[in-house]
Amino acid sequence: MEALRHDIVTETDVRALVETFYSKVRRDDLLAPIFEPVIGNNWDHHLGRMTDFWSTLLLYTRKFNDDPLLKHLPLTLIKAHFDRWLLLFHRTVDELFQGQIAENAKKRAYSIARIMKAVKSIEQ
């Protein structure tokens, strides 16, 4: 019997989402080579920042007030990177959670990818 999933309602939930998602990213053949050289041995710091980012977007905690777009501009990214990032993110949300905030997380991720692709002039 499948465990009952709940919505994303606490920062602990957000942290679980971020840690589970980035553990997949770090093992992914396409995404790991993009993230590993930039983040290096600073994964704990990055996961903390990403938890603050998603907590701000989903729970309105106001813990993050930086512009993540600027950090991603120097990266060499193609459409396949964004597609894989979204696929892994959506799968992670669906594995762990269900509900309105979980659906909002997927919509926000899609919007982030769309904006970054547009700024980097990557074909949709």
C-alpha atoms as a PDB file:
ATOM      1  CA  MET A   1       0.000   0.000   0.000  1.00  0.00           C
ATOM      2  CA  GLU A   2       1.357   3.401  -1.020  1.00  0.00           C
ATOM      3  CA  ALA A   3       2.074   5.831   1.796  1.00  0.00           C
ATOM      4  CA  LEU A   4      -0.316   8.746   1.931  1.00  0.00           C
ATOM      5  CA  ARG A   5       1.388  11.879   0.654  1.00  0.00           C
ATOM      6  CA  HIS A   6       0.654  15.268   2.190  1.00  0.00           C
ATOM      7  CA  ASP A   7       1.114  18.762   0.853  1.00  0.00           C
ATOM      8  CA  ILE A   8       4.223  20.891   1.314  1.00  0.00           C
ATOM      9  CA  VAL A   9       3.408  22.766   4.515  1.00  0.00           C
ATOM     10  CA  THR A  10       6.612  23.132   6.536  1.00  0.00           C
ATOM     11  CA  GLU A  11      10.212  24.064   5.950  1.00  0.00           C
ATOM     12  CA  THR A  12      11.056  20.444   6.762  1.00  0.00           C
ATOM     13  CA  ASP A  13       8.918  19.466   3.761  1.00  0.00           C
ATOM     14  CA  VAL A  14      10.726  21.983   1.585  1.00  0.00           C
ATOM     15  CA  ARG A  15      14.099  20.682   2.786  1.00  0.00           C
ATOM     16  CA  ALA A  16      13.031  17.104   1.936  1.00  0.00           C
ATOM     17  CA  LEU A  17      12.029  18.233  -1.552  1.00  0.00           C
ATOM     18  CA  VAL A  18      15.292  20.096  -2.133  1.00  0.00           C
ATOM     19  CA  GLU A  19      17.542  17.341  -0.775  1.00  0.00           C
ATOM     20  CA  THR A  20      15.751  14.585  -2.676  1.00  0.00           C
ATOM     21  CA  PHE A  21      15.702  16.583  -5.904  1.00  0.00           C
ATOM     22  CA  TYR A  22      19.371  17.558  -5.788  1.00  0.00           C
ATOM     23  CA  SER A  23      20.430  14.011  -4.916  1.00  0.00           C
ATOM     24  CA  LYS A  24      18.879  13.059  -8.272  1.00  0.00           C
ATOM     25  CA  VAL A  25      20.556  15.987 -10.020  1.00  0.00           C
ATOM     26  CA  ARG A  26      23.945  14.941  -8.643  1.00  0.00           C
ATOM     27  CA  ARG A  27      23.504  11.433 -10.083  1.00  0.00           C
ATOM     28  CA  ASP A  28      22.112  12.581 -13.425  1.00  0.00           C
ATOM     29  CA  ASP A  29      24.385  12.137 -16.451  1.00  0.00           C
ATOM     30  CA  LEU A  30      23.197  15.365 -18.069  1.00  0.00           C
ATOM     31  CA  LEU A  31      22.854  17.698 -15.073  1.00  0.00           C
ATOM     32  CA  ALA A  32      25.660  16.597 -12.752  1.00  0.00           C
ATOM     33  CA  PRO A  33      28.396  17.906 -15.091  1.00  0.00           C
ATOM     34  CA  ILE A  34      26.726  21.347 -15.012  1.00  0.00           C
ATOM     35  CA  PHE A  35      26.292  21.597 -11.236  1.00  0.00           C
ATOM     36  CA  GLU A  36      29.284  19.745  -9.799  1.00  0.00           C
ATOM     37  CA  PRO A  37      32.069  22.014 -11.142  1.00  0.00           C
ATOM     38  CA  VAL A  38      30.253  25.138  -9.939  1.00  0.00           C
ATOM     39  CA  ILE A  39      29.105  23.894  -6.538  1.00  0.00           C
ATOM     40  CA  GLY A  40      32.048  21.612  -5.815  1.00  0.00           C
ATOM     41  CA  ASN A  41      32.256  20.854  -2.093  1.00  0.00           C
ATOM     42  CA  ASN A  42      29.664  23.494  -1.189  1.00  0.00           C
ATOM     43  CA  TRP A  43      26.565  21.328  -1.502  1.00  0.00           C
ATOM     44  CA  ASP A  44      25.447  21.898   2.088  1.00  0.00           C
ATOM     45  CA  HIS A  45      25.493  25.655   1.517  1.00  0.00           C
ATOM     46  CA  HIS A  46      23.739  25.298  -1.852  1.00  0.00           C
ATOM     47  CA  LEU A  47      21.027  23.054  -0.395  1.00  0.00           C
ATOM     48  CA  GLY A  48      20.466  25.571   2.381  1.00  0.00           C
ATOM     49  CA  ARG A  49      20.131  28.391  -0.135  1.00  0.00           C
ATOM     50  CA  MET A  50      17.777  26.352  -2.299  1.00  0.00           C
ATOM     51  CA  THR A  51      15.686  25.450   0.742  1.00  0.00           C
ATOM     52  CA  ASP A  52      15.417  29.157   1.562  1.00  0.00           C
ATOM     53  CA  PHE A  53      14.560  29.905  -2.090  1.00  0.00           C
ATOM     54  CA  TRP A  54      11.767  27.325  -2.315  1.00  0.00           C
ATOM     55  CA  SER A  55      10.547  28.145   1.186  1.00  0.00           C
ATOM     56  CA  THR A  56      10.197  31.765   0.104  1.00  0.00           C
ATOM     57  CA  LEU A  57       8.325  30.827  -3.083  1.00  0.00           C
ATOM     58  CA  LEU A  58       6.041  28.216  -1.565  1.00  0.00           C
ATOM     59  CA  LEU A  59       5.605  29.168   2.084  1.00  0.00           C
ATOM     60  CA  TYR A  60       6.283  32.933   1.814  1.00  0.00           C
ATOM     61  CA  THR A  61       8.978  32.821   4.506  1.00  0.00           C
ATOM     62  CA  ARG A  62      11.012  35.668   2.940  1.00  0.00           C
ATOM     63  CA  LYS A  63      14.269  33.847   3.681  1.00  0.00           C
ATOM     64  CA  PHE A  64      15.644  34.342   0.172  1.00  0.00           C
ATOM     65  CA  ASN A  65      16.052  37.727  -1.466  1.00  0.00           C
ATOM     66  CA  ASP A  66      18.715  37.103  -4.095  1.00  0.00           C
ATOM     67  CA  ASP A  67      18.363  36.736  -7.882  1.00  0.00           C
ATOM     68  CA  PRO A  68      19.061  33.114  -8.895  1.00  0.00           C
ATOM     69  CA  LEU A  69      18.995  34.092 -12.562  1.00  0.00           C
ATOM     70  CA  LEU A  70      22.293  35.944 -12.222  1.00  0.00           C
ATOM     71  CA  LYS A  71      24.003  32.826 -10.841  1.00  0.00           C
ATOM     72  CA  HIS A  72      22.835  30.762 -13.804  1.00  0.00           C
ATOM     73  CA  LEU A  73      23.715  33.198 -16.607  1.00  0.00           C
ATOM     74  CA  PRO A  74      27.360  32.089 -16.914  1.00  0.00           C
ATOM     75  CA  LEU A  75      26.375  28.412 -17.253  1.00  0.00           C
ATOM     76  CA  THR A  76      26.316  26.775 -20.664  1.00  0.00           C
ATOM     77  CA  LEU A  77      22.782  25.469 -20.761  1.00  0.00           C
ATOM     78  CA  ILE A  78      20.716  23.958 -23.541  1.00  0.00           C
ATOM     79  CA  LYS A  79      17.039  23.070 -23.783  1.00  0.00           C
ATOM     80  CA  ALA A  80      17.763  19.480 -22.727  1.00  0.00           C
ATOM     81  CA  HIS A  81      19.165  20.717 -19.394  1.00  0.00           C
ATOM     82  CA  PHE A  82      15.969  22.612 -18.598  1.00  0.00           C
ATOM     83  CA  ASP A  83      13.792  19.716 -19.734  1.00  0.00           C
ATOM     84  CA  ARG A  84      15.667  17.246 -17.521  1.00  0.00           C
ATOM     85  CA  TRP A  85      15.656  19.654 -14.564  1.00  0.00           C
ATOM     86  CA  LEU A  86      11.889  20.007 -14.862  1.00  0.00           C
ATOM     87  CA  LEU A  87      11.359  16.274 -15.287  1.00  0.00           C
ATOM     88  CA  LEU A  88      13.369  15.454 -12.161  1.00  0.00           C
ATOM     89  CA  PHE A  89      11.751  18.255 -10.174  1.00  0.00           C
ATOM     90  CA  HIS A  90       8.207  17.238 -11.111  1.00  0.00           C
ATOM     91  CA  ARG A  91       8.923  13.560 -10.408  1.00  0.00           C
ATOM     92  CA  THR A  92      10.372  14.451  -7.012  1.00  0.00           C
ATOM     93  CA  VAL A  93       7.376  16.571  -6.059  1.00  0.00           C
ATOM     94  CA  ASP A  94       5.000  13.811  -7.162  1.00  0.00           C
ATOM     95  CA  GLU A  95       6.939  11.130  -5.267  1.00  0.00           C
ATOM     96  CA  LEU A  96       6.909  13.057  -2.005  1.00  0.00           C
ATOM     97  CA  PHE A  97       3.843  15.287  -1.951  1.00  0.00           C
ATOM     98  CA  GLN A  98       0.357  15.985  -3.200  1.00  0.00           C
ATOM     99  CA  GLY A  99      -1.805  19.040  -2.847  1.00  0.00           C
ATOM    100  CA  GLN A 100      -2.171  22.658  -3.841  1.00  0.00           C
ATOM    101  CA  ILE A 101       1.294  23.807  -2.734  1.00  0.00           C
ATOM    102  CA  ALA A 102       2.903  20.784  -4.408  1.00  0.00           C
ATOM    103  CA  GLU A 103       1.156  21.706  -7.654  1.00  0.00           C
ATOM    104  CA  ASN A 104       2.267  25.311  -7.178  1.00  0.00           C
ATOM    105  CA  ALA A 105       5.867  24.096  -6.805  1.00  0.00           C
ATOM    106  CA  LYS A 106       5.669  22.413 -10.208  1.00  0.00           C
ATOM    107  CA  LYS A 107       4.132  25.522 -11.785  1.00  0.00           C
ATOM    108  CA  ARG A 108       6.830  27.717 -10.258  1.00  0.00           C
ATOM    109  CA  ALA A 109       9.563  25.379 -11.522  1.00  0.00           C
ATOM    110  CA  TYR A 110       8.087  25.535 -15.021  1.00  0.00           C
ATOM    111  CA  SER A 111       7.983  29.352 -14.878  1.00  0.00           C
ATOM    112  CA  ILE A 112      11.580  29.522 -13.666  1.00  0.00           C
ATOM    113  CA  ALA A 113      12.747  27.276 -16.507  1.00  0.00           C
ATOM    114  CA  ARG A 114      10.738  29.278 -19.059  1.00  0.00           C
ATOM    115  CA  ILE A 115      12.203  32.583 -17.878  1.00  0.00           C
ATOM    116  CA  MET A 116      15.772  31.254 -17.795  1.00  0.00           C
ATOM    117  CA  LYS A 117      15.404  29.775 -21.273  1.00  0.00           C
ATOM    118  CA  ALA A 118      14.083  33.083 -22.564  1.00  0.00           C
ATOM    119  CA  VAL A 119      16.898  35.085 -20.981  1.00  0.00           C
ATOM    120  CA  LYS A 120      19.487  32.678 -22.363  1.00  0.00           C
ATOM    121  CA  SER A 121      17.677  32.689 -25.760  1.00  0.00           C
ATOM    122  CA  ILE A 122      17.206  28.935 -25.800  1.00  0.00           C
ATOM    123  CA  GLU A 123      14.576  27.568 -28.159  1.00  0.00           C
ATOM    124  CA  GLN A 124      11.429  26.383 -26.401  1.00  0.00           C
END
